[in-house]
Amino acid sequence: MSLGVLLIEDDRELRTMLREALQVEGYRVIASSSLVDARAVIATALAQGGLDIVLLDLGLPDGDGAELLAELRRQRGTPVIVVSARPGEEHKVRLLDAGADDYLVKPFSLAELLARMRVALRHRGTLTRPATLRYERAGVSVDLGSRRVQRDGNEVHLTPTEYRLLARLVRQAGQVVTHRQLLLDVWGPECTEHTHYLRLYMAQLRAKLEAEPADPRVLLTEPGVGYRLAEAGD
């Protein structure tokens, strides 16, 4: 199951970059740019049990993110990583003592952020590993990092929904992903019973990627359970 991330960042360019990068890694990302918006998202997410980690900027347009840290700590034990341009040691120590799981100073590398997220989640009992970003089998090549999909060396153009479905299977290549989980991660919680969506989009993906769509070697069906991307290799 994809882990839910609340990204609170008022810099539009950085927020967009981080959201897209985290989605590639398999996280479900909700992005907020202010304290007011973040509080509304948190209230909804906590009620639905869908919030696993928070990335918190401090300099928000309607207040200091440190206010939100205190509120989160009163409500539950969701990991919080502060992401800020404020480098002072005293400031970092104060927020860590206030309950932040980590403090990352801007600018930072994506690899470091992902590693710190894995550590924070692991400390709360959630084991994660780096997402699978590349896949090759039977002439099909997928690179989630560059969003490139090829068949026999030729670019394949997928719709946004087709790409999200394929990417979800790539991140768990070789393992069965249930109908419900695919519908939840690709279409959202309101669509978990709409299995006809999966049949339609899997047929479209097979038509674009399989040499013989009626006899697939890559996009496999597990009858009554879900779908599986065949293990990478020839």
Protein backbone atom coordinates (compact mmCIF):
# COMPACT_ATOMS: atom_id res chain seq x y z
CA MET A 1 0.00 0.00 0.00
CA SER A 2 1.26 3.49 -0.86
CA LEU A 3 2.20 5.64 2.11
CA GLY A 4 0.54 9.04 2.48
CA VAL A 5 2.75 12.15 2.63
CA LEU A 6 1.59 15.63 3.57
CA LEU A 7 3.96 18.12 1.94
CA ILE A 8 3.64 21.62 3.41
CA GLU A 9 5.71 24.04 1.33
CA ASP A 10 4.87 27.56 0.10
CA ASP A 11 7.48 27.68 -2.68
CA ARG A 12 5.46 26.60 -5.72
CA GLU A 13 8.43 25.39 -7.77
CA LEU A 14 9.91 23.34 -4.93
CA ARG A 15 6.49 22.01 -3.95
CA THR A 16 5.83 20.80 -7.50
CA MET A 17 9.27 19.21 -7.82
CA LEU A 18 9.01 17.39 -4.51
CA ARG A 19 5.46 16.21 -5.14
CA GLU A 20 6.37 14.71 -8.52
CA ALA A 21 9.56 13.12 -7.17
CA LEU A 22 7.76 11.55 -4.22
CA GLN A 23 4.99 10.25 -6.47
CA VAL A 24 7.62 8.54 -8.63
CA GLU A 25 8.87 6.86 -5.45
CA GLY A 26 5.39 5.48 -4.84
CA TYR A 27 4.14 7.87 -2.17
CA ARG A 28 0.63 9.35 -2.21
CA VAL A 29 1.27 13.08 -1.85
CA ILE A 30 -1.07 15.80 -0.62
CA ALA A 31 0.48 19.24 -1.00
CA SER A 32 -0.38 22.35 1.02
CA SER A 33 1.02 25.87 0.86
CA SER A 34 -0.32 27.38 4.10
CA LEU A 35 -1.17 26.56 7.70
CA VAL A 36 -4.91 26.93 7.09
CA ASP A 37 -4.89 24.51 4.17
CA ALA A 38 -2.61 22.06 5.99
CA ARG A 39 -4.89 21.98 9.05
CA ALA A 40 -7.88 21.13 6.87
CA VAL A 41 -5.94 18.37 5.11
CA ILE A 42 -4.69 16.94 8.41
CA ALA A 43 -8.19 16.83 9.90
CA THR A 44 -9.47 14.88 6.90
CA ALA A 45 -6.43 12.62 6.60
CA LEU A 46 -6.40 11.70 10.29
CA ALA A 47 -10.09 10.83 10.17
CA GLN A 48 -9.43 8.49 7.24
CA GLY A 49 -6.16 7.08 8.62
CA GLY A 50 -4.28 8.06 5.48
CA LEU A 51 -1.39 10.20 6.78
CA ASP A 52 1.96 8.47 7.31
CA ILE A 53 4.55 11.28 7.32
CA VAL A 54 4.65 15.09 7.19
CA LEU A 55 7.25 17.27 5.45
CA LEU A 56 6.96 20.68 7.09
CA ASP A 57 8.32 23.99 5.90
CA LEU A 58 8.55 26.72 8.55
CA GLY A 59 8.21 30.02 6.69
CA LEU A 60 4.57 29.84 5.58
CA PRO A 61 2.53 32.86 4.43
CA ASP A 62 0.05 32.67 7.33
CA GLY A 63 2.36 31.71 10.18
CA ASP A 64 5.24 29.58 11.39
CA GLY A 65 5.19 25.85 10.67
CA ALA A 66 6.40 25.25 14.22
CA GLU A 67 2.81 25.92 15.35
CA LEU A 68 1.67 22.95 13.30
CA LEU A 69 4.39 20.72 14.75
CA ALA A 70 2.99 21.28 18.24
CA GLU A 71 -0.54 20.47 17.03
CA LEU A 72 0.59 17.29 15.31
CA ARG A 73 2.40 16.12 18.40
CA ARG A 74 -0.74 16.58 20.50
CA GLN A 75 -2.86 14.59 18.04
CA ARG A 76 -0.80 11.53 17.11
CA GLY A 77 2.63 10.12 16.44
CA THR A 78 2.92 10.84 12.72
CA PRO A 79 6.60 11.39 11.80
CA VAL A 80 7.41 15.02 11.00
CA ILE A 81 10.49 16.12 9.08
CA VAL A 82 11.12 19.87 9.14
CA VAL A 83 12.39 21.17 5.80
CA SER A 84 13.65 24.72 6.20
CA ALA A 85 16.14 27.33 5.01
CA ARG A 86 16.90 28.26 8.64
CA PRO A 87 20.30 26.69 9.44
CA GLY A 88 20.90 27.81 13.02
CA GLU A 89 21.85 25.02 15.44
CA GLU A 90 19.85 26.46 18.30
CA HIS A 91 16.73 26.62 16.13
CA LYS A 92 17.19 23.01 14.97
CA VAL A 93 17.70 21.75 18.51
CA ARG A 94 14.56 23.56 19.70
CA LEU A 95 12.37 21.97 17.03
CA LEU A 96 13.87 18.52 17.50
CA ASP A 97 13.18 18.81 21.23
CA ALA A 98 9.65 19.95 20.36
CA GLY A 99 8.99 16.66 18.59
CA ALA A 100 10.34 16.86 15.04
CA ASP A 101 11.79 13.55 13.89
CA ASP A 102 14.40 15.24 11.73
CA TYR A 103 15.47 18.65 10.43
CA LEU A 104 16.70 19.08 6.86
CA VAL A 105 18.24 22.38 5.75
CA LYS A 106 17.60 23.72 2.25
CA PRO A 107 19.05 23.19 -0.27
CA PHE A 108 19.17 19.41 0.00
CA SER A 109 19.37 16.45 -2.34
CA LEU A 110 16.33 14.33 -3.08
CA ALA A 111 18.30 11.20 -2.19
CA GLU A 112 18.99 12.57 1.31
CA LEU A 113 15.36 13.52 1.85
CA LEU A 114 14.16 10.05 0.80
CA ALA A 115 16.71 8.40 3.08
CA ARG A 116 15.66 10.53 6.04
CA MET A 117 12.01 9.73 5.33
CA ARG A 118 12.78 6.00 5.37
CA VAL A 119 14.61 6.39 8.69
CA ALA A 120 11.74 8.37 10.27
CA LEU A 121 9.19 5.81 9.09
CA ARG A 122 11.36 2.92 10.26
CA HIS A 123 11.58 4.43 13.74
CA ARG A 124 7.77 4.35 13.85
CA GLY A 125 7.66 0.71 12.78
CA THR A 126 7.04 1.21 9.05
CA LEU A 127 9.66 -0.49 6.91
CA THR A 128 10.23 0.95 3.46
CA ARG A 129 12.79 0.50 0.74
CA PRO A 130 13.80 2.57 -2.29
CA ALA A 131 11.23 2.23 -5.05
CA THR A 132 11.94 0.24 -8.20
CA LEU A 133 12.28 2.87 -10.92
CA ARG A 134 13.47 0.81 -13.91
CA TYR A 135 11.95 -2.22 -15.55
CA GLU A 136 12.78 -4.25 -18.65
CA ARG A 137 11.22 -7.40 -20.04
CA ALA A 138 10.17 -8.78 -23.43
CA GLY A 139 11.11 -5.59 -25.26
CA VAL A 140 9.28 -3.35 -22.78
CA SER A 141 11.39 -0.73 -21.00
CA VAL A 142 10.10 1.62 -18.29
CA ASP A 143 12.10 4.37 -16.57
CA LEU A 144 9.97 6.09 -13.95
CA GLY A 145 12.69 8.60 -13.17
CA SER A 146 12.52 10.07 -16.68
CA ARG A 147 8.89 9.01 -17.29
CA ARG A 148 9.93 7.12 -20.45
CA VAL A 149 8.17 4.01 -21.68
CA GLN A 150 9.49 2.12 -24.70
CA ARG A 151 8.64 -1.00 -26.64
CA ASP A 152 11.38 -2.47 -28.82
CA GLY A 153 13.27 0.82 -28.56
CA ASN A 154 10.34 2.98 -29.68
CA GLU A 155 8.66 5.55 -27.46
CA VAL A 156 5.20 4.57 -26.23
CA HIS A 157 2.79 7.37 -25.41
CA LEU A 158 0.52 6.60 -22.48
CA THR A 159 -2.38 8.57 -21.06
CA PRO A 160 -1.86 9.88 -17.50
CA THR A 161 -4.04 7.11 -16.06
CA GLU A 162 -2.32 4.40 -18.09
CA TYR A 163 1.04 5.69 -16.86
CA ARG A 164 -0.04 5.76 -13.20
CA LEU A 165 -1.32 2.20 -13.45
CA LEU A 166 1.87 0.95 -15.11
CA ALA A 167 4.07 2.83 -12.63
CA ARG A 168 2.18 1.29 -9.70
CA LEU A 169 2.85 -2.19 -11.07
CA VAL A 170 6.51 -1.38 -11.80
CA ARG A 171 7.09 -0.38 -8.17
CA GLN A 172 6.00 -3.86 -7.12
CA ALA A 173 7.24 -5.83 -10.12
CA GLY A 174 7.00 -9.59 -9.68
CA GLN A 175 4.34 -9.29 -6.97
CA VAL A 176 0.58 -9.44 -7.22
CA VAL A 177 -1.21 -6.14 -6.61
CA THR A 178 -4.88 -6.61 -5.76
CA HIS A 179 -7.73 -5.02 -7.68
CA ARG A 180 -8.65 -2.94 -4.64
CA GLN A 181 -5.11 -1.67 -4.08
CA LEU A 182 -4.68 -0.66 -7.71
CA LEU A 183 -7.99 1.17 -7.71
CA LEU A 184 -7.13 2.92 -4.44
CA ASP A 185 -3.67 4.03 -5.54
CA VAL A 186 -4.50 4.99 -9.14
CA TRP A 187 -8.11 6.26 -8.94
CA GLY A 188 -8.66 7.00 -5.25
CA PRO A 189 -10.74 5.66 -2.34
CA GLU A 190 -14.05 6.47 -4.00
CA CYS A 191 -13.35 4.01 -6.84
CA THR A 192 -12.25 0.85 -5.02
CA GLU A 193 -15.23 -1.16 -6.29
CA HIS A 194 -14.96 -0.08 -9.94
CA THR A 195 -13.07 -3.09 -11.29
CA HIS A 196 -14.25 -2.34 -14.83
CA TYR A 197 -11.77 0.57 -14.81
CA LEU A 198 -8.95 -1.92 -14.41
CA ARG A 199 -10.17 -4.23 -17.17
CA LEU A 200 -10.44 -1.31 -19.59
CA TYR A 201 -7.04 0.23 -18.83
CA MET A 202 -5.18 -3.07 -18.66
CA ALA A 203 -6.52 -3.89 -22.11
CA GLN A 204 -5.27 -0.52 -23.37
CA LEU A 205 -1.84 -1.03 -21.80
CA ARG A 206 -1.52 -4.51 -23.29
CA ALA A 207 -2.45 -3.20 -26.73
CA LYS A 208 0.40 -0.68 -26.48
CA LEU A 209 3.05 -2.82 -24.78
CA GLU A 210 2.52 -6.51 -25.50
CA ALA A 211 3.65 -8.14 -28.74
CA GLU A 212 0.57 -10.36 -28.47
CA PRO A 213 -2.01 -8.68 -26.22
CA ALA A 214 -4.12 -11.86 -26.07
CA ASP A 215 -1.11 -13.78 -24.73
CA PRO A 216 0.66 -11.27 -22.44
CA ARG A 217 4.19 -11.82 -21.19
CA VAL A 218 4.51 -8.62 -19.16
CA LEU A 219 1.13 -7.54 -17.79
CA LEU A 220 -0.22 -10.69 -16.18
CA THR A 221 -3.63 -11.42 -14.66
CA GLU A 222 -4.05 -13.19 -11.35
CA PRO A 223 -7.67 -14.38 -11.70
CA GLY A 224 -9.96 -13.13 -8.97
CA VAL A 225 -7.10 -11.32 -7.19
CA GLY A 226 -5.43 -8.62 -9.25
CA TYR A 227 -2.55 -8.07 -11.67
CA ARG A 228 1.17 -8.68 -11.67
CA LEU A 229 4.02 -7.30 -13.71
CA ALA A 230 6.23 -10.24 -14.68
CA GLU A 231 9.66 -10.18 -13.07
CA ALA A 232 12.23 -8.18 -15.01
CA GLY A 233 14.48 -10.06 -17.39
CA ASP A 234 14.33 -11.70 -20.78
